[in-house]
Amino acid sequence: MHSGLLILTMAVVTALLRFLPFLIWNGKRKTPAYILFLGKYLPYSIMGMLVVYCLKGVQLTSYPHGLPEFIAVAAVALLHIWKKNTLLSIIGGTALYMFLIQVVFI
């Protein structure tokens, strides 16, 4: 019962946070400039932070010297340039990275 209430509360809060901007700025009110700025630049900032977070533990001085990470990042970039599909790029890079660390660079 307690777990169910926690899950329900989290679901309601998450839904409210997702729908609140559409309820506040529903076309009748002008969207503030800082919201438009965040909508334009925040996705790129978050991607940059994720790249830094994913690569922060890479040990360049010990085997495999960051090769699996470098290869996977290059694959993500090339896939995205080629297909322009974010989901394909992320899944392809992740699959390649897992293959490299579990099969190639043991």
C-alpha atoms as a PDB file:
ATOM      1  CA  MET A   1       0.000   0.000   0.000  1.00  0.00           C
ATOM      2  CA  HIS A   2       2.798   2.414   0.970  1.00  0.00           C
ATOM      3  CA  SER A   3       4.747   1.700  -2.239  1.00  0.00           C
ATOM      4  CA  GLY A   4       1.642   2.229  -4.327  1.00  0.00           C
ATOM      5  CA  LEU A   5       1.028   5.627  -2.762  1.00  0.00           C
ATOM      6  CA  LEU A   6       4.639   6.623  -3.364  1.00  0.00           C
ATOM      7  CA  ILE A   7       4.445   5.591  -7.007  1.00  0.00           C
ATOM      8  CA  LEU A   8       1.116   7.386  -7.461  1.00  0.00           C
ATOM      9  CA  THR A   9       2.509  10.558  -5.865  1.00  0.00           C
ATOM     10  CA  MET A  10       5.601  10.480  -8.090  1.00  0.00           C
ATOM     11  CA  ALA A  11       3.452   9.907 -11.187  1.00  0.00           C
ATOM     12  CA  VAL A  12       1.147  12.814 -10.362  1.00  0.00           C
ATOM     13  CA  VAL A  13       4.028  15.198  -9.613  1.00  0.00           C
ATOM     14  CA  THR A  14       5.850  14.161 -12.788  1.00  0.00           C
ATOM     15  CA  ALA A  15       2.719  14.638 -14.908  1.00  0.00           C
ATOM     16  CA  LEU A  16       2.037  18.008 -13.268  1.00  0.00           C
ATOM     17  CA  LEU A  17       5.579  19.204 -13.951  1.00  0.00           C
ATOM     18  CA  ARG A  18       5.281  18.105 -17.579  1.00  0.00           C
ATOM     19  CA  PHE A  19       1.863  19.696 -18.198  1.00  0.00           C
ATOM     20  CA  LEU A  20       2.289  22.877 -16.126  1.00  0.00           C
ATOM     21  CA  PRO A  21       4.172  24.884 -18.803  1.00  0.00           C
ATOM     22  CA  PHE A  22       1.436  24.114 -21.339  1.00  0.00           C
ATOM     23  CA  LEU A  23      -1.217  25.207 -18.874  1.00  0.00           C
ATOM     24  CA  ILE A  24       0.585  28.445 -18.003  1.00  0.00           C
ATOM     25  CA  TRP A  25       1.659  29.427 -21.531  1.00  0.00           C
ATOM     26  CA  ASN A  26      -1.251  28.056 -23.542  1.00  0.00           C
ATOM     27  CA  GLY A  27      -0.965  30.510 -26.420  1.00  0.00           C
ATOM     28  CA  LYS A  28      -2.865  33.301 -24.703  1.00  0.00           C
ATOM     29  CA  ARG A  29       0.188  34.561 -22.814  1.00  0.00           C
ATOM     30  CA  LYS A  30       3.515  35.434 -24.382  1.00  0.00           C
ATOM     31  CA  THR A  31       6.281  33.021 -23.395  1.00  0.00           C
ATOM     32  CA  PRO A  32       9.038  34.845 -21.471  1.00  0.00           C
ATOM     33  CA  ALA A  33      12.372  35.309 -23.219  1.00  0.00           C
ATOM     34  CA  TYR A  34      14.296  33.290 -20.622  1.00  0.00           C
ATOM     35  CA  ILE A  35      12.028  30.270 -21.212  1.00  0.00           C
ATOM     36  CA  LEU A  36      12.644  30.523 -24.965  1.00  0.00           C
ATOM     37  CA  PHE A  37      16.399  30.836 -24.276  1.00  0.00           C
ATOM     38  CA  LEU A  38      16.361  27.721 -22.070  1.00  0.00           C
ATOM     39  CA  GLY A  39      14.362  25.812 -24.677  1.00  0.00           C
ATOM     40  CA  LYS A  40      16.911  26.720 -27.322  1.00  0.00           C
ATOM     41  CA  TYR A  41      20.195  26.104 -25.469  1.00  0.00           C
ATOM     42  CA  LEU A  42      19.486  23.723 -22.579  1.00  0.00           C
ATOM     43  CA  PRO A  43      19.346  20.512 -24.679  1.00  0.00           C
ATOM     44  CA  TYR A  44      22.874  21.137 -25.992  1.00  0.00           C
ATOM     45  CA  SER A  45      24.121  21.949 -22.494  1.00  0.00           C
ATOM     46  CA  ILE A  46      22.631  18.750 -21.114  1.00  0.00           C
ATOM     47  CA  MET A  47      24.205  16.684 -23.895  1.00  0.00           C
ATOM     48  CA  GLY A  48      27.578  18.259 -23.155  1.00  0.00           C
ATOM     49  CA  MET A  49      27.205  17.500 -19.454  1.00  0.00           C
ATOM     50  CA  LEU A  50      26.270  13.885 -20.252  1.00  0.00           C
ATOM     51  CA  VAL A  51      29.352  13.453 -22.433  1.00  0.00           C
ATOM     52  CA  VAL A  52      31.586  14.838 -19.673  1.00  0.00           C
ATOM     53  CA  TYR A  53      29.860  12.627 -17.093  1.00  0.00           C
ATOM     54  CA  CYS A  54      30.255   9.511 -19.244  1.00  0.00           C
ATOM     55  CA  LEU A  55      33.930  10.160 -19.950  1.00  0.00           C
ATOM     56  CA  LYS A  56      35.002  11.371 -16.482  1.00  0.00           C
ATOM     57  CA  GLY A  57      36.231   7.961 -15.370  1.00  0.00           C
ATOM     58  CA  VAL A  58      38.304   7.123 -18.443  1.00  0.00           C
ATOM     59  CA  GLN A  59      41.845   6.103 -17.507  1.00  0.00           C
ATOM     60  CA  LEU A  60      44.139   7.171 -20.333  1.00  0.00           C
ATOM     61  CA  THR A  61      47.225   5.875 -18.537  1.00  0.00           C
ATOM     62  CA  SER A  62      46.114   2.266 -18.162  1.00  0.00           C
ATOM     63  CA  TYR A  63      44.776  -0.430 -20.488  1.00  0.00           C
ATOM     64  CA  PRO A  64      42.706   0.019 -22.686  1.00  0.00           C
ATOM     65  CA  HIS A  65      43.708   3.712 -22.626  1.00  0.00           C
ATOM     66  CA  GLY A  66      40.202   5.016 -23.380  1.00  0.00           C
ATOM     67  CA  LEU A  67      39.993   3.265 -26.754  1.00  0.00           C
ATOM     68  CA  PRO A  68      36.504   1.762 -26.256  1.00  0.00           C
ATOM     69  CA  GLU A  69      35.152   5.146 -25.185  1.00  0.00           C
ATOM     70  CA  PHE A  70      36.828   6.995 -28.046  1.00  0.00           C
ATOM     71  CA  ILE A  71      35.587   4.462 -30.606  1.00  0.00           C
ATOM     72  CA  ALA A  72      32.029   4.576 -29.211  1.00  0.00           C
ATOM     73  CA  VAL A  73      31.951   8.397 -29.159  1.00  0.00           C
ATOM     74  CA  ALA A  74      33.237   8.486 -32.744  1.00  0.00           C
ATOM     75  CA  ALA A  75      30.575   5.946 -33.753  1.00  0.00           C
ATOM     76  CA  VAL A  76      27.828   8.026 -32.135  1.00  0.00           C
ATOM     77  CA  ALA A  77      29.032  11.139 -33.957  1.00  0.00           C
ATOM     78  CA  LEU A  78      29.338   9.371 -37.306  1.00  0.00           C
ATOM     79  CA  LEU A  79      25.956   7.662 -36.964  1.00  0.00           C
ATOM     80  CA  HIS A  80      24.320  10.954 -36.123  1.00  0.00           C
ATOM     81  CA  ILE A  81      25.979  12.776 -39.019  1.00  0.00           C
ATOM     82  CA  TRP A  82      25.011   9.948 -41.374  1.00  0.00           C
ATOM     83  CA  LYS A  83      21.422   9.185 -40.293  1.00  0.00           C
ATOM     84  CA  LYS A  84      20.472  12.278 -38.226  1.00  0.00           C
ATOM     85  CA  ASN A  85      18.629  10.016 -35.799  1.00  0.00           C
ATOM     86  CA  THR A  86      19.390  10.616 -32.129  1.00  0.00           C
ATOM     87  CA  LEU A  87      17.894   7.357 -30.889  1.00  0.00           C
ATOM     88  CA  LEU A  88      19.806   5.303 -33.453  1.00  0.00           C
ATOM     89  CA  SER A  89      23.026   7.125 -32.562  1.00  0.00           C
ATOM     90  CA  ILE A  90      22.628   6.518 -28.822  1.00  0.00           C
ATOM     91  CA  ILE A  91      21.584   2.878 -29.147  1.00  0.00           C
ATOM     92  CA  GLY A  92      24.264   2.141 -31.751  1.00  0.00           C
ATOM     93  CA  GLY A  93      27.013   3.789 -29.701  1.00  0.00           C
ATOM     94  CA  THR A  94      25.909   2.050 -26.514  1.00  0.00           C
ATOM     95  CA  ALA A  95      25.747  -1.353 -28.211  1.00  0.00           C
ATOM     96  CA  LEU A  96      29.172  -0.848 -29.768  1.00  0.00           C
ATOM     97  CA  TYR A  97      30.656   0.273 -26.440  1.00  0.00           C
ATOM     98  CA  MET A  98      29.215  -2.756 -24.606  1.00  0.00           C
ATOM     99  CA  PHE A  99      30.554  -5.064 -27.313  1.00  0.00           C
ATOM    100  CA  LEU A 100      33.993  -3.462 -27.108  1.00  0.00           C
ATOM    101  CA  ILE A 101      34.330  -3.678 -23.320  1.00  0.00           C
ATOM    102  CA  GLN A 102      32.877  -7.187 -23.032  1.00  0.00           C
ATOM    103  CA  VAL A 103      34.374  -8.885 -26.094  1.00  0.00           C
ATOM    104  CA  VAL A 104      37.253  -6.921 -27.605  1.00  0.00           C
ATOM    105  CA  PHE A 105      38.966  -5.129 -24.690  1.00  0.00           C
ATOM    106  CA  ILE A 106      38.722  -7.794 -22.014  1.00  0.00           C
END
